Amino acid sequence: MKWMTICTTTASLSLVIAGLLVLAGCGDASKPATPEGGTGPKVSLPEGLFVTQAPDSAKDVTAAKQDAKPGEMIVVRGRIGGKQPFVKGRAALTLYDPALVACDEMPDHGCPTPWDFCCEKKESHVDNTASIQVLGPDGKVLAADLEGASGLAPLDLLVVEGTVDSTSQSPVLIVNAKSIFIEKRGADRKKAD
């Protein structure tokens, strides 16, 4: 019963983070924005967004948040997670610090969505997450889905290089991604154990 209460709290927090992402860089999420700012078809992700070599000096999400200053370059490492890890119709996702334990890493977890980290305390979600977004030339979050792009899925371990967004302020870290390196697939992590 306790994990159900935590899952409900986690779901609420994930929706708040997703809402912040939408408000940070785009208007009405039900009407995809074109690069010109109007409504219309979704746009493509930038060429070269996904890289084959990890950028240097990556810091795990929690450590990266301590030093993050708006406008500065940052390299952050974490796992895709949250009740809704991807923002539908937008190039945005949530990263969790890799030190947090996903529910499927706990015995008898009983959680059908281990990437929502519902077994963690509510405070852990705020303190150990970062919002990652990909901006278009107009400075708005692209109307393109990151889920499935280059095979992205919940619990994938990523290294993201980008700029700390000007709207980013404690405790929320928002990173405008320039490159994404997939360090480890979430589906492969259990195979390695």
C-alpha atoms as a PDB file:
ATOM      1  CA  MET A   1       0.000   0.000   0.000  1.00  0.00           C
ATOM      2  CA  LYS A   2       2.909   2.350   0.784  1.00  0.00           C
ATOM      3  CA  TRP A   3       4.365   2.018  -2.718  1.00  0.00           C
ATOM      4  CA  MET A   4       0.965   2.895  -4.230  1.00  0.00           C
ATOM      5  CA  THR A   5       0.937   6.173  -2.262  1.00  0.00           C
ATOM      6  CA  ILE A   6       4.487   6.916  -3.386  1.00  0.00           C
ATOM      7  CA  CYS A   7       3.565   6.083  -7.008  1.00  0.00           C
ATOM      8  CA  THR A   8       0.647   8.516  -6.863  1.00  0.00           C
ATOM      9  CA  THR A   9       2.895  11.249  -5.472  1.00  0.00           C
ATOM     10  CA  THR A  10       5.521  10.458  -8.105  1.00  0.00           C
ATOM     11  CA  ALA A  11       2.927  10.699 -10.855  1.00  0.00           C
ATOM     12  CA  SER A  12       1.893  14.156  -9.666  1.00  0.00           C
ATOM     13  CA  LEU A  13       5.509  15.346  -9.515  1.00  0.00           C
ATOM     14  CA  SER A  14       6.241  13.980 -12.995  1.00  0.00           C
ATOM     15  CA  LEU A  15       3.266  15.863 -14.406  1.00  0.00           C
ATOM     16  CA  VAL A  16       4.500  19.088 -12.788  1.00  0.00           C
ATOM     17  CA  ILE A  17       7.972  18.618 -14.320  1.00  0.00           C
ATOM     18  CA  ALA A  18       6.435  17.838 -17.723  1.00  0.00           C
ATOM     19  CA  GLY A  19       4.299  20.959 -17.403  1.00  0.00           C
ATOM     20  CA  LEU A  20       7.344  23.075 -16.614  1.00  0.00           C
ATOM     21  CA  LEU A  21       9.027  21.769 -19.752  1.00  0.00           C
ATOM     22  CA  VAL A  22       6.074  22.717 -21.897  1.00  0.00           C
ATOM     23  CA  LEU A  23       5.820  26.173 -20.319  1.00  0.00           C
ATOM     24  CA  ALA A  24       9.552  26.759 -20.586  1.00  0.00           C
ATOM     25  CA  GLY A  25       9.714  26.732 -24.333  1.00  0.00           C
ATOM     26  CA  CYS A  26       6.425  26.336 -26.133  1.00  0.00           C
ATOM     27  CA  GLY A  27       2.821  27.334 -26.170  1.00  0.00           C
ATOM     28  CA  ASP A  28      -0.182  25.075 -26.525  1.00  0.00           C
ATOM     29  CA  ALA A  29       1.126  21.493 -26.491  1.00  0.00           C
ATOM     30  CA  SER A  30      -2.022  20.312 -28.313  1.00  0.00           C
ATOM     31  CA  LYS A  31      -0.991  22.357 -31.362  1.00  0.00           C
ATOM     32  CA  PRO A  32       2.523  21.426 -32.479  1.00  0.00           C
ATOM     33  CA  ALA A  33       4.625  24.451 -33.314  1.00  0.00           C
ATOM     34  CA  THR A  34       6.486  24.739 -36.580  1.00  0.00           C
ATOM     35  CA  PRO A  35       9.888  26.414 -36.688  1.00  0.00           C
ATOM     36  CA  GLU A  36       8.082  29.585 -37.812  1.00  0.00           C
ATOM     37  CA  GLY A  37       6.003  29.564 -34.606  1.00  0.00           C
ATOM     38  CA  GLY A  38       2.668  28.649 -36.205  1.00  0.00           C
ATOM     39  CA  THR A  39       0.799  25.384 -36.002  1.00  0.00           C
ATOM     40  CA  GLY A  40       1.343  22.513 -38.357  1.00  0.00           C
ATOM     41  CA  PRO A  41       3.276  19.296 -38.781  1.00  0.00           C
ATOM     42  CA  LYS A  42       5.933  18.185 -36.369  1.00  0.00           C
ATOM     43  CA  VAL A  43       9.543  18.991 -37.181  1.00  0.00           C
ATOM     44  CA  SER A  44      12.611  16.777 -37.289  1.00  0.00           C
ATOM     45  CA  LEU A  45      15.291  16.561 -34.637  1.00  0.00           C
ATOM     46  CA  PRO A  46      18.563  18.291 -35.535  1.00  0.00           C
ATOM     47  CA  GLU A  47      21.058  16.309 -37.530  1.00  0.00           C
ATOM     48  CA  GLY A  48      23.972  15.213 -35.315  1.00  0.00           C
ATOM     49  CA  LEU A  49      21.954  15.381 -32.073  1.00  0.00           C
ATOM     50  CA  PHE A  50      22.812  11.764 -31.273  1.00  0.00           C
ATOM     51  CA  VAL A  51      26.560  11.225 -31.036  1.00  0.00           C
ATOM     52  CA  THR A  52      28.672   8.073 -30.874  1.00  0.00           C
ATOM     53  CA  GLN A  53      31.181   9.295 -28.305  1.00  0.00           C
ATOM     54  CA  ALA A  54      30.421  10.624 -24.832  1.00  0.00           C
ATOM     55  CA  PRO A  55      31.410  14.222 -24.144  1.00  0.00           C
ATOM     56  CA  ASP A  56      34.135  14.703 -21.523  1.00  0.00           C
ATOM     57  CA  SER A  57      33.593  15.807 -17.925  1.00  0.00           C
ATOM     58  CA  ALA A  58      30.081  14.423 -17.433  1.00  0.00           C
ATOM     59  CA  LYS A  59      28.560  14.850 -13.982  1.00  0.00           C
ATOM     60  CA  ASP A  60      25.673  12.815 -12.647  1.00  0.00           C
ATOM     61  CA  VAL A  61      22.431  14.794 -12.418  1.00  0.00           C
ATOM     62  CA  THR A  62      22.654  15.605  -8.694  1.00  0.00           C
ATOM     63  CA  ALA A  63      26.249  16.866  -8.889  1.00  0.00           C
ATOM     64  CA  ALA A  64      25.552  18.802 -12.088  1.00  0.00           C
ATOM     65  CA  LYS A  65      22.652  20.645 -10.441  1.00  0.00           C
ATOM     66  CA  GLN A  66      24.946  22.018  -7.728  1.00  0.00           C
ATOM     67  CA  ASP A  67      27.147  23.899 -10.202  1.00  0.00           C
ATOM     68  CA  ALA A  68      24.604  24.757 -12.911  1.00  0.00           C
ATOM     69  CA  LYS A  69      24.293  28.404 -13.913  1.00  0.00           C
ATOM     70  CA  PRO A  70      21.942  29.673 -16.644  1.00  0.00           C
ATOM     71  CA  GLY A  71      23.719  30.155 -19.967  1.00  0.00           C
ATOM     72  CA  GLU A  72      26.679  27.908 -19.133  1.00  0.00           C
ATOM     73  CA  MET A  73      27.645  24.720 -20.949  1.00  0.00           C
ATOM     74  CA  ILE A  74      27.029  21.543 -18.961  1.00  0.00           C
ATOM     75  CA  VAL A  75      27.512  17.797 -19.436  1.00  0.00           C
ATOM     76  CA  VAL A  76      25.007  15.782 -17.409  1.00  0.00           C
ATOM     77  CA  ARG A  77      24.606  12.019 -17.027  1.00  0.00           C
ATOM     78  CA  GLY A  78      21.425  10.236 -15.983  1.00  0.00           C
ATOM     79  CA  ARG A  79      18.705   7.695 -16.723  1.00  0.00           C
ATOM     80  CA  ILE A  80      15.487   8.499 -18.534  1.00  0.00           C
ATOM     81  CA  GLY A  81      12.684   8.252 -15.995  1.00  0.00           C
ATOM     82  CA  GLY A  82       9.478   9.568 -14.503  1.00  0.00           C
ATOM     83  CA  LYS A  83       5.831   8.622 -14.672  1.00  0.00           C
ATOM     84  CA  GLN A  84       5.833  10.234 -18.126  1.00  0.00           C
ATOM     85  CA  PRO A  85       9.547  10.326 -18.995  1.00  0.00           C
ATOM     86  CA  PHE A  86       8.957  11.901 -22.411  1.00  0.00           C
ATOM     87  CA  VAL A  87       6.834  14.962 -23.182  1.00  0.00           C
ATOM     88  CA  LYS A  88       4.484  13.878 -25.969  1.00  0.00           C
ATOM     89  CA  GLY A  89       4.844  15.991 -29.082  1.00  0.00           C
ATOM     90  CA  ARG A  90       7.892  17.812 -27.742  1.00  0.00           C
ATOM     91  CA  ALA A  91      11.619  17.115 -27.827  1.00  0.00           C
ATOM     92  CA  ALA A  92      11.866  16.844 -24.039  1.00  0.00           C
ATOM     93  CA  LEU A  93      12.528  14.188 -21.420  1.00  0.00           C
ATOM     94  CA  THR A  94      13.379  13.786 -17.748  1.00  0.00           C
ATOM     95  CA  LEU A  95      16.707  12.410 -16.487  1.00  0.00           C
ATOM     96  CA  TYR A  96      17.173  10.871 -13.039  1.00  0.00           C
ATOM     97  CA  ASP A  97      20.478  10.605 -11.226  1.00  0.00           C
ATOM     98  CA  PRO A  98      21.929   7.131 -11.898  1.00  0.00           C
ATOM     99  CA  ALA A  99      22.381   6.564  -8.140  1.00  0.00           C
ATOM    100  CA  LEU A 100      18.612   6.384  -7.636  1.00  0.00           C
ATOM    101  CA  VAL A 101      17.227   2.869  -7.523  1.00  0.00           C
ATOM    102  CA  ALA A 102      14.611   1.969 -10.124  1.00  0.00           C
ATOM    103  CA  CYS A 103      11.781  -0.094  -8.689  1.00  0.00           C
ATOM    104  CA  ASP A 104      12.689  -3.213 -10.677  1.00  0.00           C
ATOM    105  CA  GLU A 105      16.047  -3.235  -8.884  1.00  0.00           C
ATOM    106  CA  MET A 106      14.260  -3.910  -5.588  1.00  0.00           C
ATOM    107  CA  PRO A 107      13.004  -7.338  -4.544  1.00  0.00           C
ATOM    108  CA  ASP A 108       9.218  -7.775  -4.688  1.00  0.00           C
ATOM    109  CA  HIS A 109       8.724  -4.274  -6.075  1.00  0.00           C
ATOM    110  CA  GLY A 110       5.337  -4.957  -7.674  1.00  0.00           C
ATOM    111  CA  CYS A 111       5.603  -1.809  -9.799  1.00  0.00           C
ATOM    112  CA  PRO A 112       4.666  -2.135 -13.492  1.00  0.00           C
ATOM    113  CA  THR A 113       6.546   1.073 -14.394  1.00  0.00           C
ATOM    114  CA  PRO A 114       9.978   0.877 -12.698  1.00  0.00           C
ATOM    115  CA  TRP A 115      11.218   3.956 -14.576  1.00  0.00           C
ATOM    116  CA  ASP A 116       8.947   6.169 -12.457  1.00  0.00           C
ATOM    117  CA  PHE A 117      11.178   5.560  -9.420  1.00  0.00           C
ATOM    118  CA  CYS A 118       8.049   5.349  -7.245  1.00  0.00           C
ATOM    119  CA  CYS A 119       9.989   3.495  -4.560  1.00  0.00           C
ATOM    120  CA  GLU A 120      12.084   6.621  -3.935  1.00  0.00           C
ATOM    121  CA  LYS A 121      11.026   9.402  -1.546  1.00  0.00           C
ATOM    122  CA  LYS A 122       9.229  12.397  -3.061  1.00  0.00           C
ATOM    123  CA  GLU A 123      12.151  14.697  -2.237  1.00  0.00           C
ATOM    124  CA  SER A 124      14.486  12.465  -4.249  1.00  0.00           C
ATOM    125  CA  HIS A 125      12.544  13.212  -7.407  1.00  0.00           C
ATOM    126  CA  VAL A 126      12.964  16.959  -7.153  1.00  0.00           C
ATOM    127  CA  ASP A 127      16.566  16.884  -5.944  1.00  0.00           C
ATOM    128  CA  ASN A 128      17.837  14.268  -8.400  1.00  0.00           C
ATOM    129  CA  THR A 129      16.210  15.077 -11.747  1.00  0.00           C
ATOM    130  CA  ALA A 130      16.930  17.275 -14.724  1.00  0.00           C
ATOM    131  CA  SER A 131      14.720  18.281 -17.623  1.00  0.00           C
ATOM    132  CA  ILE A 132      16.326  17.885 -21.025  1.00  0.00           C
ATOM    133  CA  GLN A 133      14.931  19.696 -24.058  1.00  0.00           C
ATOM    134  CA  VAL A 134      15.973  20.266 -27.670  1.00  0.00           C
ATOM    135  CA  LEU A 135      15.360  23.762 -29.008  1.00  0.00           C
ATOM    136  CA  GLY A 136      14.748  24.858 -32.554  1.00  0.00           C
ATOM    137  CA  PRO A 137      16.266  27.901 -34.262  1.00  0.00           C
ATOM    138  CA  ASP A 138      13.450  30.012 -32.788  1.00  0.00           C
ATOM    139  CA  GLY A 139      14.508  29.122 -29.231  1.00  0.00           C
ATOM    140  CA  LYS A 140      11.388  27.031 -28.553  1.00  0.00           C
ATOM    141  CA  VAL A 141      11.227  23.335 -27.703  1.00  0.00           C
ATOM    142  CA  LEU A 142      10.973  21.419 -30.959  1.00  0.00           C
ATOM    143  CA  ALA A 143       7.628  19.821 -31.792  1.00  0.00           C
ATOM    144  CA  ALA A 144       9.294  16.433 -32.258  1.00  0.00           C
ATOM    145  CA  ASP A 145       9.125  13.310 -30.117  1.00  0.00           C
ATOM    146  CA  LEU A 146      12.301  12.136 -28.381  1.00  0.00           C
ATOM    147  CA  GLU A 147      10.664   8.861 -27.342  1.00  0.00           C
ATOM    148  CA  GLY A 148      11.907   6.244 -29.780  1.00  0.00           C
ATOM    149  CA  ALA A 149      14.317   8.642 -31.510  1.00  0.00           C
ATOM    150  CA  SER A 150      17.523   6.684 -32.013  1.00  0.00           C
ATOM    151  CA  GLY A 151      15.781   3.979 -29.957  1.00  0.00           C
ATOM    152  CA  LEU A 152      15.414   6.098 -26.773  1.00  0.00           C
ATOM    153  CA  ALA A 153      13.393   4.358 -24.062  1.00  0.00           C
ATOM    154  CA  PRO A 154      12.827   4.650 -20.302  1.00  0.00           C
ATOM    155  CA  LEU A 155      15.854   3.788 -18.123  1.00  0.00           C
ATOM    156  CA  ASP A 156      18.376   4.392 -20.918  1.00  0.00           C
ATOM    157  CA  LEU A 157      21.537   5.940 -19.462  1.00  0.00           C
ATOM    158  CA  LEU A 158      22.417   9.146 -21.315  1.00  0.00           C
ATOM    159  CA  VAL A 159      25.194  11.707 -21.359  1.00  0.00           C
ATOM    160  CA  VAL A 160      23.797  15.054 -22.512  1.00  0.00           C
ATOM    161  CA  GLU A 161      25.848  18.106 -23.424  1.00  0.00           C
ATOM    162  CA  GLY A 162      24.077  21.421 -23.633  1.00  0.00           C
ATOM    163  CA  THR A 163      23.416  24.821 -22.142  1.00  0.00           C
ATOM    164  CA  VAL A 164      21.622  25.475 -18.879  1.00  0.00           C
ATOM    165  CA  ASP A 165      18.364  27.183 -19.894  1.00  0.00           C
ATOM    166  CA  SER A 166      17.850  30.801 -18.840  1.00  0.00           C
ATOM    167  CA  THR A 167      14.644  29.793 -16.999  1.00  0.00           C
ATOM    168  CA  SER A 168      16.444  27.128 -14.991  1.00  0.00           C
ATOM    169  CA  GLN A 169      16.529  27.858 -11.274  1.00  0.00           C
ATOM    170  CA  SER A 170      16.866  25.712  -8.176  1.00  0.00           C
ATOM    171  CA  PRO A 171      15.572  23.090  -7.673  1.00  0.00           C
ATOM    172  CA  VAL A 172      14.716  22.645 -11.378  1.00  0.00           C
ATOM    173  CA  LEU A 173      17.562  22.097 -13.838  1.00  0.00           C
ATOM    174  CA  ILE A 174      16.621  22.556 -17.502  1.00  0.00           C
ATOM    175  CA  VAL A 175      19.256  21.734 -20.108  1.00  0.00           C
ATOM    176  CA  ASN A 176      19.027  22.711 -23.779  1.00  0.00           C
ATOM    177  CA  ALA A 177      20.668  19.677 -25.383  1.00  0.00           C
ATOM    178  CA  LYS A 178      23.237  20.055 -28.139  1.00  0.00           C
ATOM    179  CA  SER A 179      24.231  16.382 -28.157  1.00  0.00           C
ATOM    180  CA  ILE A 180      22.971  13.129 -26.661  1.00  0.00           C
ATOM    181  CA  PHE A 181      25.101  10.037 -26.164  1.00  0.00           C
ATOM    182  CA  ILE A 182      23.384   6.766 -25.250  1.00  0.00           C
ATOM    183  CA  GLU A 183      25.766   5.159 -22.746  1.00  0.00           C
ATOM    184  CA  LYS A 184      23.652   2.132 -21.909  1.00  0.00           C
ATOM    185  CA  ARG A 185      20.246   0.895 -22.956  1.00  0.00           C
ATOM    186  CA  GLY A 186      17.788   0.416 -20.099  1.00  0.00           C
ATOM    187  CA  ALA A 187      16.823  -2.982 -21.470  1.00  0.00           C
ATOM    188  CA  ASP A 188      20.472  -4.099 -21.362  1.00  0.00           C
ATOM    189  CA  ARG A 189      21.252  -3.128 -17.754  1.00  0.00           C
ATOM    190  CA  LYS A 190      19.602  -6.218 -16.238  1.00  0.00           C
ATOM    191  CA  LYS A 191      21.451  -8.485 -18.686  1.00  0.00           C
ATOM    192  CA  ALA A 192      24.792  -7.224 -17.351  1.00  0.00           C
ATOM    193  CA  ASP A 193      23.926  -8.200 -13.756  1.00  0.00           C
END
